[in-house]
Protein backbone atom coordinates (compact mmCIF):
# COMPACT_ATOMS: atom_id res chain seq x y z
CA UNK A 1 -0.63 -78.87 157.84
CA UNK A 2 -1.84 -82.96 157.63
CA UNK A 3 -1.65 -85.93 158.88
CA UNK A 4 1.97 -86.79 158.98
CA UNK A 5 2.34 -83.31 160.10
CA UNK A 6 0.58 -83.51 163.12
CA UNK A 7 1.66 -87.07 164.00
CA UNK A 8 5.22 -85.63 163.12
CA UNK A 9 4.41 -82.38 165.86
CA UNK A 10 2.49 -84.34 168.90
CA UNK A 11 5.85 -87.10 168.58
CA UNK A 12 7.86 -84.65 169.32
CA UNK A 13 6.15 -82.51 171.40
CA UNK A 14 5.64 -85.43 174.00
CA UNK A 15 9.37 -86.38 173.68
CA UNK A 16 10.34 -82.97 174.99
CA UNK A 17 7.60 -83.42 177.76
CA UNK A 18 9.10 -87.08 179.26
CA UNK A 19 10.59 -85.98 182.17
CA UNK A 20 14.10 -87.90 181.63
CA UNK A 21 16.54 -88.59 184.59
CA UNK A 22 19.84 -87.52 183.14
CA UNK A 23 22.27 -90.36 184.57
CA UNK A 24 26.38 -88.33 183.87
CA UNK A 25 25.37 -86.03 186.32
CA UNK A 26 23.46 -87.77 189.15
CA UNK A 27 23.65 -92.19 190.02
CA UNK A 28 20.07 -92.48 189.73
CA UNK A 29 19.64 -94.61 193.68
CA UNK A 30 16.44 -96.06 191.69
CA UNK A 31 18.34 -97.97 190.03
CA UNK A 32 20.95 -99.19 192.70
CA UNK A 33 19.10 -103.21 192.75
CA UNK A 34 20.79 -102.96 189.10
CA UNK A 35 25.23 -104.34 187.93
CA UNK A 36 27.15 -101.44 189.30
CA UNK A 37 28.64 -101.26 186.56
CA UNK A 38 26.20 -100.83 184.13
CA UNK A 39 25.31 -98.09 186.04
CA UNK A 40 28.98 -95.90 186.42
CA UNK A 41 29.37 -97.07 182.09
CA UNK A 42 25.52 -95.21 181.88
CA UNK A 43 27.57 -92.09 184.20
CA UNK A 44 30.01 -92.09 182.56
CA UNK A 45 29.42 -92.21 178.53
CA UNK A 46 25.45 -90.76 179.37
CA UNK A 47 22.10 -92.85 177.67
CA UNK A 48 20.86 -91.67 174.79
CA UNK A 49 16.96 -93.26 175.12
CA UNK A 50 15.16 -93.69 171.40
CA UNK A 51 12.07 -91.29 169.90
CA UNK A 52 9.82 -94.98 171.10
CA UNK A 53 11.30 -95.30 174.68
CA UNK A 54 10.09 -91.64 175.82
CA UNK A 55 6.78 -92.22 174.02
CA UNK A 56 6.37 -94.64 176.84
CA UNK A 57 8.01 -92.93 179.35
CA UNK A 58 5.96 -90.22 178.47
CA UNK A 59 2.93 -92.80 179.01
CA UNK A 60 3.69 -93.90 182.19
CA UNK A 61 4.33 -90.24 183.44
CA UNK A 62 0.46 -89.12 182.75
CA UNK A 63 -1.32 -92.90 184.42
CA UNK A 64 1.02 -91.90 187.63
CA UNK A 65 -0.29 -88.31 187.31
CA UNK A 66 -3.70 -89.68 187.56
CA UNK A 67 -2.36 -92.01 190.64
CA UNK A 68 -1.38 -88.92 192.34
CA UNK A 69 -4.98 -87.27 191.82
CA UNK A 70 -6.69 -89.76 192.95
CA UNK A 71 -4.66 -90.18 195.82
CA UNK A 72 -5.19 -86.55 196.81
CA UNK A 73 -8.70 -87.17 196.96
CA UNK A 74 -9.22 -90.28 198.63
CA UNK A 75 -6.12 -89.47 201.67
CA UNK A 76 -6.97 -85.94 201.69
CA UNK A 77 -4.26 -83.72 203.52
CA UNK A 78 -2.52 -86.97 205.07
CA UNK A 79 -0.96 -87.06 201.01
CA UNK A 80 2.27 -85.29 200.40
CA UNK A 81 2.98 -85.45 196.55
CA UNK A 82 6.05 -86.15 195.41
CA UNK A 83 9.70 -84.95 196.21
CA UNK A 84 13.18 -85.38 195.99
CA UNK A 85 15.86 -87.45 197.93
CA UNK A 86 19.62 -86.98 197.46
CA UNK A 87 22.80 -89.17 199.49
CA UNK A 88 26.09 -89.00 199.41
CA UNK A 89 26.66 -84.64 199.15
CA UNK A 90 24.11 -85.16 196.46
CA UNK A 91 25.93 -87.54 194.29
CA UNK A 92 22.84 -90.06 194.59
CA UNK A 93 19.32 -88.54 193.79
CA UNK A 94 16.02 -90.31 193.22
CA UNK A 95 12.35 -89.16 193.49
CA UNK A 96 9.34 -90.80 195.69
CA UNK A 97 6.08 -90.98 194.16
CA UNK A 98 3.77 -89.35 198.05
CA UNK A 99 3.99 -90.53 201.27
CA UNK A 100 0.80 -90.74 203.76
CA UNK A 101 1.44 -90.15 207.06
CA UNK A 102 5.36 -90.96 207.11
CA UNK A 103 4.81 -94.24 204.68
CA UNK A 104 6.94 -93.66 201.48
CA UNK A 105 4.67 -93.93 198.50
CA UNK A 106 6.24 -95.71 194.87
CA UNK A 107 4.35 -96.26 191.63
CA UNK A 108 4.96 -98.41 188.81
CA UNK A 109 2.76 -98.02 185.88
CA UNK A 110 2.42 -100.97 183.12
CA UNK A 111 1.56 -101.71 179.95
CA UNK A 112 -1.17 -104.45 181.13
CA UNK A 113 -2.20 -107.05 182.77
CA UNK A 114 0.21 -109.79 182.09
CA UNK A 115 3.13 -107.26 183.51
CA UNK A 116 1.19 -106.51 186.90
CA UNK A 117 3.53 -108.67 189.65
CA UNK A 118 2.04 -111.13 190.72
CA UNK A 119 2.46 -112.42 194.47
CA UNK A 120 5.61 -110.25 195.29
CA UNK A 121 7.47 -107.13 193.69
CA UNK A 122 9.88 -108.09 191.11
CA UNK A 123 13.55 -107.94 192.77
CA UNK A 124 14.99 -104.70 191.35
CA UNK A 125 11.58 -102.82 192.20
CA UNK A 126 12.51 -104.32 195.97
CA UNK A 127 16.09 -103.09 195.79
CA UNK A 128 14.40 -99.20 194.26
CA UNK A 129 12.54 -99.05 197.65
CA UNK A 130 15.13 -100.15 199.60
CA UNK A 131 17.62 -97.42 198.38
CA UNK A 132 14.90 -94.65 198.37
CA UNK A 133 13.68 -95.49 202.14
CA UNK A 134 17.39 -95.73 203.07
CA UNK A 135 18.41 -92.68 201.90
CA UNK A 136 14.53 -90.99 202.68
CA UNK A 137 14.74 -92.55 206.00
CA UNK A 138 11.75 -93.70 205.43
CA UNK A 139 10.46 -97.18 206.91
CA UNK A 140 7.78 -98.57 205.21
CA UNK A 141 7.09 -97.93 200.97
CA UNK A 142 4.28 -99.34 199.72
CA UNK A 143 4.53 -99.56 196.24
CA UNK A 144 1.35 -99.10 193.59
CA UNK A 145 1.36 -100.91 190.45
CA UNK A 146 -1.43 -100.15 187.79
CA UNK A 147 -2.07 -100.92 184.35
CA UNK A 148 -2.86 -98.90 181.51
CA UNK A 149 -4.65 -101.36 179.94
CA UNK A 150 -7.37 -102.12 182.61
CA UNK A 151 -6.61 -99.98 185.48
CA UNK A 152 -6.17 -103.20 187.67
CA UNK A 153 -3.98 -102.51 190.80
CA UNK A 154 -1.62 -103.96 192.97
CA UNK A 155 0.33 -102.77 195.54
CA UNK A 156 2.75 -104.22 198.13
CA UNK A 157 4.12 -103.39 201.38
CA UNK A 158 8.06 -102.81 202.39
CA UNK A 159 9.30 -102.78 205.54
CA UNK A 160 13.32 -100.59 205.57
CA UNK A 161 16.00 -103.13 205.47
CA UNK A 162 18.82 -101.87 207.51
CA UNK A 163 21.28 -104.84 206.42
CA UNK A 164 19.51 -103.36 202.59
CA UNK A 165 19.88 -99.75 203.10
CA UNK A 166 23.43 -100.23 203.71
CA UNK A 167 24.19 -102.96 200.15
CA UNK A 168 22.37 -100.00 198.54
CA UNK A 169 24.97 -96.96 200.08
CA UNK A 170 28.10 -99.32 199.71
CA UNK A 171 26.81 -100.25 195.43
CA UNK A 172 26.44 -96.35 195.04
CA UNK A 173 29.98 -95.44 196.73
CA UNK A 174 31.68 -98.24 194.26
CA UNK A 175 29.84 -97.49 191.28
CA UNK A 176 30.41 -93.15 192.55
CA UNK A 177 34.46 -94.09 193.14
CA UNK A 178 34.42 -95.74 189.88
CA UNK A 179 33.01 -93.04 188.07
CA UNK A 180 35.72 -90.31 189.35
CA UNK A 181 38.36 -93.03 188.70
CA UNK A 182 36.93 -93.22 185.02
CA UNK A 183 37.00 -96.84 185.70
CA UNK A 184 34.03 -99.62 185.56
CA UNK A 185 33.63 -101.77 188.44
CA UNK A 186 33.65 -104.94 188.32
CA UNK A 187 30.14 -107.09 186.77
CA UNK A 188 27.59 -108.56 189.03
CA UNK A 189 24.81 -109.42 186.36
CA UNK A 190 27.29 -112.14 184.67
CA UNK A 191 25.90 -110.05 181.38
CA UNK A 192 27.85 -107.05 181.32
CA UNK A 193 30.29 -108.83 178.78
CA UNK A 194 27.20 -109.21 175.87
CA UNK A 195 25.97 -105.99 176.25
């Protein structure tokens, strides 16, 4: 064994450990804030993340596991860890990161302080929390951001919006129907033709 061999083996192990979502089997409800055409395309053709992305996902998962441990310590028996959420006969799938006294918790590990949201959560994260609340029947969500470089934490609170929840469900129906027909729905982002 030499340094290069050890690096290769360590990277290969890390990439296997990265918990990836199979975009061809289910619609990821956490992505319902994205363009329906992009979501359908990924369900029809699949997505093969490159090795760098797999390593970054693993680092994100490690940081989120650490958040779980800390929340268990400070919230005790009130904290419930991650659980799957399904909707639309199992066609739409997602995970909570935890919950406390009926409040959904979602974690976002970001690379550095500059990636921490300032003032409010990004729009796609807002839609993610709305979709999880809709299909998981939560009334409130706290999204926790943590910088992996400094450990700084920001939190944002979202209340469930039935209107946005219904929009998430309509978009999911559109994507699933299009995939069943082997077609792509209309682009809603204006960027699909440039990809």
